[in-house]
């Protein structure tokens, strides 16, 4: 097809492939920049919706966080009450056993 003799380096410093990659990246940047300018209204409205969604999500996460903090607090309180009741029962059993030992 094309019989091009492209040297492997340019000036002995730059790799030809790297130079071509650089030109390709620059051309891609120019094309993307042009496309983004044409799509500015769409990008602005999309960004606005992303911000609204982020605020909605943050609000819901805060409500959920408060809910779970309340649940854990209530569960911790009930657990402590249960442990205290068990300790009372154990103390009463120990007192009863002590009385039985004294009678023997």
N, C-alpha and C. Protein backbone atom coordinates (compact mmCIF):
# COMPACT_ATOMS: atom_id res chain seq x y z
N UNK A 1 0.82 -1.19 0.00
CA UNK A 1 0.00 0.00 0.00
C UNK A 1 0.87 1.25 0.00
N UNK A 2 1.05 1.81 1.17
CA UNK A 2 1.90 2.99 1.26
C UNK A 2 3.29 2.57 1.70
N UNK A 3 4.23 2.80 0.84
CA UNK A 3 5.62 2.48 1.20
C UNK A 3 6.30 3.75 1.68
N UNK A 4 6.03 4.07 2.95
CA UNK A 4 6.64 5.25 3.53
C UNK A 4 7.82 4.82 4.39
N UNK A 5 8.92 5.48 4.19
CA UNK A 5 10.09 5.23 5.02
C UNK A 5 10.13 6.28 6.11
N UNK A 6 9.55 5.93 7.25
CA UNK A 6 9.53 6.85 8.38
C UNK A 6 10.63 6.42 9.34
N UNK A 7 11.53 7.33 9.67
CA UNK A 7 12.60 6.95 10.59
C UNK A 7 12.04 6.64 11.98
N UNK A 8 12.75 5.81 12.72
CA UNK A 8 12.27 5.41 14.05
C UNK A 8 12.40 6.54 15.06
N UNK A 9 13.30 7.48 14.81
CA UNK A 9 13.42 8.64 15.70
C UNK A 9 13.51 9.90 14.86
N UNK A 10 13.16 11.00 15.48
CA UNK A 10 13.26 12.29 14.80
C UNK A 10 14.35 13.07 15.51
N UNK A 11 15.39 13.38 14.81
CA UNK A 11 16.51 14.10 15.39
C UNK A 11 17.27 13.28 16.42
N UNK A 12 17.04 11.98 16.45
CA UNK A 12 17.73 11.13 17.40
C UNK A 12 17.21 11.25 18.81
N UNK A 13 16.18 12.07 19.02
CA UNK A 13 15.66 12.30 20.38
C UNK A 13 14.26 11.74 20.57
N UNK A 14 13.39 12.10 19.66
CA UNK A 14 11.98 11.76 19.82
C UNK A 14 11.63 10.52 19.01
N UNK A 15 10.93 9.61 19.64
CA UNK A 15 10.45 8.43 18.93
C UNK A 15 9.35 8.87 17.97
N UNK A 16 9.36 8.33 16.78
CA UNK A 16 8.34 8.69 15.79
C UNK A 16 6.95 8.30 16.29
N UNK A 17 6.84 7.14 16.89
CA UNK A 17 5.54 6.72 17.41
C UNK A 17 5.03 7.69 18.48
N UNK A 18 5.92 8.12 19.36
CA UNK A 18 5.51 9.05 20.42
C UNK A 18 5.07 10.38 19.82
N UNK A 19 5.77 10.83 18.79
CA UNK A 19 5.40 12.07 18.13
C UNK A 19 4.02 11.94 17.48
N UNK A 20 3.78 10.80 16.84
CA UNK A 20 2.47 10.58 16.22
C UNK A 20 1.37 10.49 17.29
N UNK A 21 1.67 9.84 18.41
CA UNK A 21 0.70 9.78 19.52
C UNK A 21 0.39 11.19 20.02
N UNK A 22 1.40 12.00 20.11
CA UNK A 22 1.21 13.38 20.57
C UNK A 22 0.33 14.17 19.62
N UNK A 23 0.59 14.05 18.31
CA UNK A 23 -0.25 14.73 17.33
C UNK A 23 -1.69 14.21 17.39
N UNK A 24 -1.85 12.91 17.56
CA UNK A 24 -3.20 12.33 17.67
C UNK A 24 -3.92 12.85 18.90
N UNK A 25 -3.22 12.94 20.01
CA UNK A 25 -3.83 13.45 21.23
C UNK A 25 -4.21 14.91 21.07
N UNK A 26 -3.35 15.69 20.44
CA UNK A 26 -3.65 17.10 20.21
C UNK A 26 -4.87 17.26 19.30
N UNK A 27 -4.93 16.48 18.23
CA UNK A 27 -6.08 16.54 17.33
C UNK A 27 -7.35 16.11 18.06
N UNK A 28 -7.25 15.06 18.87
CA UNK A 28 -8.41 14.62 19.66
C UNK A 28 -8.86 15.70 20.62
N UNK A 29 -7.91 16.38 21.25
CA UNK A 29 -8.25 17.46 22.17
C UNK A 29 -8.99 18.58 21.46
N UNK A 30 -8.53 18.96 20.27
CA UNK A 30 -9.17 20.03 19.50
C UNK A 30 -10.59 19.62 19.12
N UNK A 31 -10.77 18.39 18.65
CA UNK A 31 -12.10 17.91 18.25
C UNK A 31 -13.04 17.86 19.45
N UNK A 32 -12.55 17.31 20.57
CA UNK A 32 -13.39 17.22 21.77
C UNK A 32 -13.76 18.61 22.27
N UNK A 33 -12.81 19.54 22.22
CA UNK A 33 -13.08 20.91 22.66
C UNK A 33 -14.19 21.53 21.80
N UNK A 34 -14.14 21.31 20.51
CA UNK A 34 -15.17 21.85 19.60
C UNK A 34 -16.53 21.21 19.91
N UNK A 35 -16.54 19.90 20.12
CA UNK A 35 -17.80 19.21 20.42
C UNK A 35 -18.37 19.67 21.75
N UNK A 36 -17.51 19.89 22.73
CA UNK A 36 -17.98 20.34 24.04
C UNK A 36 -18.56 21.74 23.98
N UNK A 37 -17.98 22.61 23.16
CA UNK A 37 -18.54 23.96 23.02
C UNK A 37 -19.94 23.90 22.42
N UNK A 38 -20.13 23.02 21.45
CA UNK A 38 -21.44 22.88 20.82
C UNK A 38 -22.45 22.28 21.80
N UNK A 39 -21.99 21.48 22.73
CA UNK A 39 -22.88 20.79 23.66
C UNK A 39 -23.00 21.52 24.99
N UNK A 40 -22.57 22.77 25.08
CA UNK A 40 -22.56 23.50 26.35
C UNK A 40 -23.93 23.56 27.02
N UNK A 41 -25.02 23.90 26.32
CA UNK A 41 -26.33 23.94 27.01
C UNK A 41 -26.70 22.59 27.62
N UNK A 42 -26.44 21.52 26.89
CA UNK A 42 -26.71 20.19 27.42
C UNK A 42 -25.87 19.90 28.65
N UNK A 43 -24.59 20.25 28.60
CA UNK A 43 -23.69 20.01 29.73
C UNK A 43 -24.10 20.82 30.95
N UNK A 44 -24.54 22.06 30.74
CA UNK A 44 -24.99 22.89 31.86
C UNK A 44 -26.22 22.29 32.51
N UNK A 45 -27.21 21.90 31.71
CA UNK A 45 -28.43 21.33 32.29
C UNK A 45 -28.14 19.99 32.97
N UNK A 46 -27.26 19.19 32.39
CA UNK A 46 -26.90 17.92 33.01
C UNK A 46 -26.19 18.15 34.34
N UNK A 47 -25.28 19.10 34.37
CA UNK A 47 -24.57 19.41 35.61
C UNK A 47 -25.53 19.91 36.68
N UNK A 48 -26.51 20.71 36.26
CA UNK A 48 -27.51 21.21 37.20
C UNK A 48 -28.29 20.04 37.81
N UNK A 49 -28.66 19.08 37.00
CA UNK A 49 -29.39 17.91 37.50
C UNK A 49 -28.52 17.06 38.42
N UNK A 50 -27.25 16.95 38.10
CA UNK A 50 -26.33 16.19 38.96
C UNK A 50 -26.22 16.86 40.33
N UNK A 51 -26.14 18.18 40.35
CA UNK A 51 -26.08 18.91 41.62
C UNK A 51 -27.36 18.70 42.41
N UNK A 52 -28.52 18.77 41.75
CA UNK A 52 -29.79 18.55 42.44
C UNK A 52 -29.86 17.13 43.00
N UNK A 53 -29.43 16.16 42.23
CA UNK A 53 -29.43 14.77 42.70
C UNK A 53 -28.50 14.60 43.89
N UNK A 54 -27.34 15.23 43.82
CA UNK A 54 -26.37 15.14 44.92
C UNK A 54 -26.97 15.71 46.20
N UNK A 55 -27.65 16.85 46.11
CA UNK A 55 -28.26 17.44 47.30
C UNK A 55 -29.38 16.56 47.83
N UNK A 56 -30.19 15.99 46.93
CA UNK A 56 -31.26 15.09 47.36
C UNK A 56 -30.68 13.86 48.06
N UNK A 57 -29.65 13.29 47.47
CA UNK A 57 -29.02 12.11 48.04
C UNK A 57 -28.40 12.41 49.40
N UNK A 58 -27.74 13.55 49.52
CA UNK A 58 -27.14 13.94 50.79
C UNK A 58 -28.20 14.09 51.86
N UNK A 59 -29.33 14.72 51.52
CA UNK A 59 -30.42 14.87 52.47
C UNK A 59 -30.98 13.53 52.92
N UNK A 60 -31.19 12.63 51.98
CA UNK A 60 -31.71 11.31 52.32
C UNK A 60 -30.73 10.51 53.16
N UNK A 61 -29.45 10.63 52.85
CA UNK A 61 -28.44 9.92 53.64
C UNK A 61 -28.40 10.46 55.07
N UNK A 62 -28.57 11.76 55.23
CA UNK A 62 -28.59 12.35 56.58
C UNK A 62 -29.79 11.82 57.36
N UNK A 63 -30.95 11.77 56.71
CA UNK A 63 -32.14 11.25 57.38
C UNK A 63 -31.94 9.78 57.76
N UNK A 64 -31.38 9.02 56.86
CA UNK A 64 -31.12 7.61 57.13
C UNK A 64 -30.11 7.44 58.25
N UNK A 65 -29.10 8.29 58.26
CA UNK A 65 -28.09 8.23 59.31
C UNK A 65 -28.72 8.51 60.67
N UNK A 66 -29.57 9.54 60.75
CA UNK A 66 -30.25 9.86 62.01
C UNK A 66 -31.14 8.69 62.45
N UNK A 67 -31.86 8.10 61.50
CA UNK A 67 -32.73 6.97 61.82
C UNK A 67 -31.94 5.83 62.43
N UNK A 68 -30.82 5.45 61.79
CA UNK A 68 -30.03 4.32 62.28
C UNK A 68 -29.33 4.65 63.59
N UNK A 69 -28.96 5.91 63.79
CA UNK A 69 -28.39 6.29 65.08
C UNK A 69 -29.42 6.11 66.18
N UNK A 70 -30.68 6.49 65.91
CA UNK A 70 -31.75 6.30 66.89
C UNK A 70 -31.98 4.82 67.17
N UNK A 71 -32.00 4.01 66.12
CA UNK A 71 -32.21 2.57 66.28
C UNK A 71 -31.10 1.97 67.14
N UNK A 72 -29.85 2.30 66.84
CA UNK A 72 -28.74 1.75 67.62
C UNK A 72 -28.77 2.23 69.06
N UNK A 73 -29.13 3.48 69.25
CA UNK A 73 -29.20 4.01 70.61
C UNK A 73 -30.27 3.28 71.41
N UNK A 74 -31.43 3.08 70.82
CA UNK A 74 -32.51 2.37 71.50
C UNK A 74 -32.12 0.91 71.77
N UNK A 75 -31.51 0.27 70.81
CA UNK A 75 -31.08 -1.13 70.99
C UNK A 75 -30.02 -1.23 72.09
N UNK A 76 -29.09 -0.29 72.12
CA UNK A 76 -28.05 -0.29 73.15
C UNK A 76 -28.68 -0.13 74.53
N UNK A 77 -29.66 0.77 74.64
CA UNK A 77 -30.35 1.00 75.92
C UNK A 77 -31.08 -0.27 76.37
N UNK A 78 -31.81 -0.91 75.46
CA UNK A 78 -32.53 -2.13 75.81
C UNK A 78 -31.56 -3.25 76.19
N UNK A 79 -30.45 -3.32 75.51
CA UNK A 79 -29.44 -4.34 75.83
C UNK A 79 -28.89 -4.12 77.24
N UNK A 80 -28.61 -2.88 77.58
CA UNK A 80 -28.10 -2.58 78.93
C UNK A 80 -29.13 -2.94 79.99
N UNK A 81 -30.41 -2.64 79.73
CA UNK A 81 -31.45 -3.00 80.69
C UNK A 81 -31.51 -4.52 80.87
N UNK A 82 -31.40 -5.24 79.77
CA UNK A 82 -31.44 -6.70 79.82
C UNK A 82 -30.25 -7.25 80.61
N UNK A 83 -29.08 -6.69 80.41
CA UNK A 83 -27.90 -7.12 81.14
C UNK A 83 -28.07 -6.83 82.63
N UNK A 84 -28.61 -5.67 82.95
CA UNK A 84 -28.83 -5.33 84.36
C UNK A 84 -29.80 -6.30 85.02
N UNK A 85 -30.87 -6.67 84.30
CA UNK A 85 -31.83 -7.63 84.84
C UNK A 85 -31.16 -8.98 85.06
N UNK A 86 -30.34 -9.41 84.12
CA UNK A 86 -29.64 -10.69 84.28
C UNK A 86 -28.70 -10.64 85.47
N UNK A 87 -28.03 -9.51 85.67
CA UNK A 87 -27.14 -9.37 86.82
C UNK A 87 -27.92 -9.44 88.13
N UNK A 88 -29.09 -8.81 88.15
CA UNK A 88 -29.93 -8.87 89.35
C UNK A 88 -30.33 -10.31 89.65
N UNK A 89 -30.74 -11.04 88.62
CA UNK A 89 -31.14 -12.44 88.80
C UNK A 89 -29.95 -13.24 89.32
N UNK A 90 -28.77 -13.04 88.74
CA UNK A 90 -27.58 -13.76 89.19
C UNK A 90 -27.23 -13.42 90.64
N UNK A 91 -27.38 -12.15 91.00
CA UNK A 91 -27.09 -11.75 92.38
C UNK A 91 -28.08 -12.40 93.35
N UNK A 92 -29.35 -12.43 92.96
CA UNK A 92 -30.36 -13.07 93.81
C UNK A 92 -30.08 -14.57 93.95
N UNK A 93 -29.69 -15.20 92.85
CA UNK A 93 -29.36 -16.62 92.91
C UNK A 93 -28.14 -16.85 93.82
N UNK A 94 -27.16 -15.97 93.71
CA UNK A 94 -25.97 -16.10 94.54
C UNK A 94 -26.32 -15.92 96.02
N UNK A 95 -27.18 -14.95 96.31
CA UNK A 95 -27.62 -14.74 97.70
C UNK A 95 -28.38 -15.95 98.21
N UNK A 96 -29.23 -16.50 97.38
CA UNK A 96 -30.00 -17.69 97.76
C UNK A 96 -29.07 -18.87 98.04
N UNK A 97 -28.09 -19.07 97.17
CA UNK A 97 -27.11 -20.14 97.38
C UNK A 97 -26.31 -19.90 98.66
N UNK A 98 -25.97 -18.67 98.93
CA UNK A 98 -25.23 -18.34 100.14
C UNK A 98 -26.06 -18.68 101.38
N UNK A 99 -27.36 -18.37 101.35
CA UNK A 99 -28.25 -18.68 102.47
C UNK A 99 -28.36 -20.19 102.67
N UNK A 100 -28.45 -20.90 101.54
CA UNK A 100 -28.55 -22.36 101.63
C UNK A 100 -27.28 -22.92 102.24
N UNK A 101 -26.12 -22.41 101.84
CA UNK A 101 -24.85 -22.88 102.39
C UNK A 101 -24.77 -22.60 103.89
N UNK A 102 -25.28 -21.45 104.30
CA UNK A 102 -25.24 -21.09 105.72
C UNK A 102 -26.11 -22.02 106.55
N UNK A 103 -27.22 -22.45 106.00
CA UNK A 103 -28.14 -23.34 106.72
C UNK A 103 -27.58 -24.75 106.83
N UNK A 104 -26.73 -25.10 105.92
CA UNK A 104 -26.15 -26.45 105.96
C UNK A 104 -25.03 -26.45 106.91
